[in-house]
Amino acid sequence: MAKKSKALQYYEAVGRRKEAMARVRLFIIDKHKEATVSGMKVKAGEIFVNKKPISQVFPAIQEKNSYLLPLKLTQNENRFAVTILVEGGGRTGQLDAITHGLARAIEKVDKLAYRPILKKNNLLRRDARAKERRKVGTGGKARRKKQSPKR
């Protein structure tokens, strides 16, 4: 579903992982042009996380490969300007939430073309693994048992 906001069209999706949530917006901007999005000047191909360039937030090479995967698979690296608001969780959870949100937003652009590619690579499925809840009588851990007396 495309939305209009101040004459800028964008696709929006939410990605989640563990306790992290990422709201992803893909702005359609012509190449070689700039647009102002929430007070920032953005160009096609740029990605911002919480109003910072993504290379500052996730500088490692494997992190870059992870968040660019949905864009590379669909060959959209330089087509959109991307803004992401991410909150909750830790670094790994936030990174996976960003990847999930990007995949879901790209799917909205052209469902027939992109959905099979993203689905084949398991990018549209939310990773349901989360921290196991702590049980009563386990001494602070989820699965730890109390030590039994020896005599």
Protein backbone atom coordinates (compact mmCIF):
# COMPACT_ATOMS: atom_id res chain seq x y z
CA MET A 1 0.00 0.00 0.00
CA ALA A 2 1.62 3.25 -1.12
CA LYS A 3 1.11 6.35 0.97
CA LYS A 4 1.40 10.03 0.15
CA SER A 5 3.03 12.52 2.47
CA LYS A 6 4.01 15.99 1.30
CA ALA A 7 4.13 14.75 -2.32
CA LEU A 8 6.62 12.02 -1.37
CA GLN A 9 5.44 8.50 -2.02
CA TYR A 10 6.68 5.72 0.23
CA TYR A 11 6.09 2.12 1.20
CA GLU A 12 6.03 1.30 4.89
CA ALA A 13 6.41 -1.96 6.81
CA VAL A 14 7.25 -3.15 10.30
CA GLY A 15 9.89 -5.79 11.07
CA ARG A 16 10.25 -7.55 14.40
CA ARG A 17 12.74 -9.86 16.13
CA LYS A 18 12.99 -10.75 19.83
CA GLU A 19 12.19 -7.47 21.62
CA ALA A 20 13.21 -5.21 18.71
CA MET A 21 10.84 -3.44 16.33
CA ALA A 22 11.82 -1.56 13.17
CA ARG A 23 9.53 0.73 11.15
CA VAL A 24 10.90 0.89 7.60
CA ARG A 25 9.96 3.42 4.94
CA LEU A 26 11.06 3.13 1.31
CA PHE A 27 10.88 6.52 -0.41
CA ILE A 28 10.69 6.61 -4.18
CA ILE A 29 13.14 9.30 -5.28
CA ASP A 30 14.41 9.95 -8.79
CA LYS A 31 18.11 9.26 -9.28
CA HIS A 32 20.41 12.29 -8.96
CA LYS A 33 17.76 14.18 -6.92
CA GLU A 34 17.44 14.94 -3.23
CA ALA A 35 14.36 14.98 -1.06
CA THR A 36 13.78 16.19 2.47
CA VAL A 37 12.42 13.51 4.76
CA SER A 38 11.77 14.41 8.45
CA GLY A 39 14.35 17.17 8.34
CA MET A 40 17.06 15.14 6.55
CA LYS A 41 18.21 15.44 2.96
CA VAL A 42 18.19 11.98 1.41
CA LYS A 43 19.19 10.58 -1.97
CA ALA A 44 18.26 7.31 -3.62
CA GLY A 45 20.39 4.49 -2.23
CA GLU A 46 20.89 6.01 1.21
CA ILE A 47 19.74 4.26 4.38
CA PHE A 48 19.20 6.05 7.70
CA VAL A 49 18.56 4.40 11.08
CA ASN A 50 17.16 6.70 13.78
CA LYS A 51 18.31 9.72 11.70
CA LYS A 52 21.92 8.45 11.44
CA PRO A 53 23.56 6.81 8.42
CA ILE A 54 23.31 3.04 8.81
CA SER A 55 27.09 2.66 8.42
CA GLN A 56 27.50 4.48 11.77
CA VAL A 57 24.97 2.30 13.57
CA PHE A 58 25.96 -1.07 12.02
CA PRO A 59 29.55 -0.70 10.72
CA ALA A 60 30.59 -4.37 10.48
CA ILE A 61 30.74 -6.10 7.08
CA GLN A 62 28.53 -9.05 8.10
CA GLU A 63 25.94 -6.57 9.44
CA LYS A 64 26.02 -4.72 6.12
CA ASN A 65 25.54 -7.98 4.21
CA SER A 66 22.58 -8.82 6.45
CA TYR A 67 20.60 -5.58 6.04
CA LEU A 68 21.40 -5.26 2.31
CA LEU A 69 20.32 -8.84 1.52
CA PRO A 70 16.65 -8.03 0.66
CA LEU A 71 17.75 -5.08 -1.51
CA LYS A 72 20.43 -7.11 -3.33
CA LEU A 73 18.19 -10.10 -3.99
CA THR A 74 15.56 -7.86 -5.59
CA GLN A 75 18.20 -5.63 -7.28
CA ASN A 76 16.95 -2.44 -5.62
CA GLU A 77 20.15 -1.17 -3.94
CA ASN A 78 19.97 2.31 -5.48
CA ARG A 79 16.28 2.65 -6.20
CA PHE A 80 14.97 3.83 -2.83
CA ALA A 81 15.92 6.16 -0.01
CA VAL A 82 15.29 4.23 3.19
CA THR A 83 14.53 5.59 6.65
CA ILE A 84 14.24 3.24 9.61
CA LEU A 85 13.10 3.85 13.17
CA VAL A 86 14.22 1.00 15.40
CA GLU A 87 13.62 0.52 19.11
CA GLY A 88 13.92 -2.18 21.76
CA GLY A 89 16.14 -5.24 21.96
CA GLY A 90 19.86 -5.42 21.34
CA ARG A 91 22.05 -5.06 18.27
CA THR A 92 21.35 -8.50 16.79
CA GLY A 93 17.61 -8.24 17.33
CA GLN A 94 17.52 -4.75 15.83
CA LEU A 95 19.54 -5.84 12.80
CA ASP A 96 17.23 -8.80 12.17
CA ALA A 97 14.18 -6.55 12.64
CA ILE A 98 15.58 -4.14 10.03
CA THR A 99 16.15 -6.99 7.56
CA HIS A 100 12.61 -8.31 8.16
CA GLY A 101 11.09 -4.83 7.78
CA LEU A 102 13.01 -4.12 4.56
CA ALA A 103 11.86 -7.41 3.06
CA ARG A 104 8.22 -6.70 3.96
CA ALA A 105 8.39 -3.17 2.54
CA ILE A 106 10.01 -4.35 -0.72
CA GLU A 107 7.30 -6.97 -1.08
CA LYS A 108 4.68 -4.18 -1.08
CA VAL A 109 6.39 -2.46 -4.03
CA ASP A 110 5.72 -5.32 -6.46
CA LYS A 111 4.20 -8.42 -4.89
CA LEU A 112 4.28 -10.60 -8.02
CA ALA A 113 7.95 -9.97 -8.81
CA TYR A 114 9.56 -9.77 -5.35
CA ARG A 115 7.52 -12.06 -3.07
CA PRO A 116 8.80 -15.39 -4.50
CA ILE A 117 12.44 -14.24 -4.24
CA LEU A 118 12.10 -13.01 -0.64
CA LYS A 119 10.02 -16.01 0.44
CA LYS A 120 12.54 -18.47 -1.00
CA ASN A 121 15.26 -16.87 1.14
CA ASN A 122 13.06 -16.91 4.30
CA LEU A 123 13.12 -13.12 4.66
CA LEU A 124 9.36 -12.63 5.04
CA ARG A 125 8.98 -14.99 8.01
CA ARG A 126 9.29 -13.46 11.45
CA ASP A 127 11.84 -15.32 13.55
CA ALA A 128 9.70 -16.35 16.53
CA ARG A 129 12.58 -17.38 18.78
CA ALA A 130 12.63 -15.29 21.95
CA LYS A 131 14.04 -15.49 25.44
CA GLU A 132 12.45 -18.26 27.47
CA ARG A 133 10.51 -17.09 30.51
CA ARG A 134 11.90 -17.73 33.96
CA LYS A 135 10.08 -20.42 35.93
CA VAL A 136 9.36 -20.40 39.65
CA GLY A 137 11.89 -22.21 41.84
CA THR A 138 14.71 -22.30 39.32
CA GLY A 139 17.01 -19.86 41.07
CA GLY A 140 16.94 -17.04 38.53
CA LYS A 141 17.33 -19.02 35.29
CA ALA A 142 14.75 -20.52 32.96
CA ARG A 143 15.88 -24.16 33.08
CA ARG A 144 18.19 -24.37 36.07
CA LYS A 145 17.13 -26.80 38.79
CA LYS A 146 17.81 -26.28 42.45
CA GLN A 147 20.68 -28.36 43.76
CA SER A 148 19.44 -31.36 45.68
CA PRO A 149 20.95 -32.13 49.11
CA LYS A 150 23.44 -34.99 49.12
CA ARG A 151 22.73 -36.30 52.67
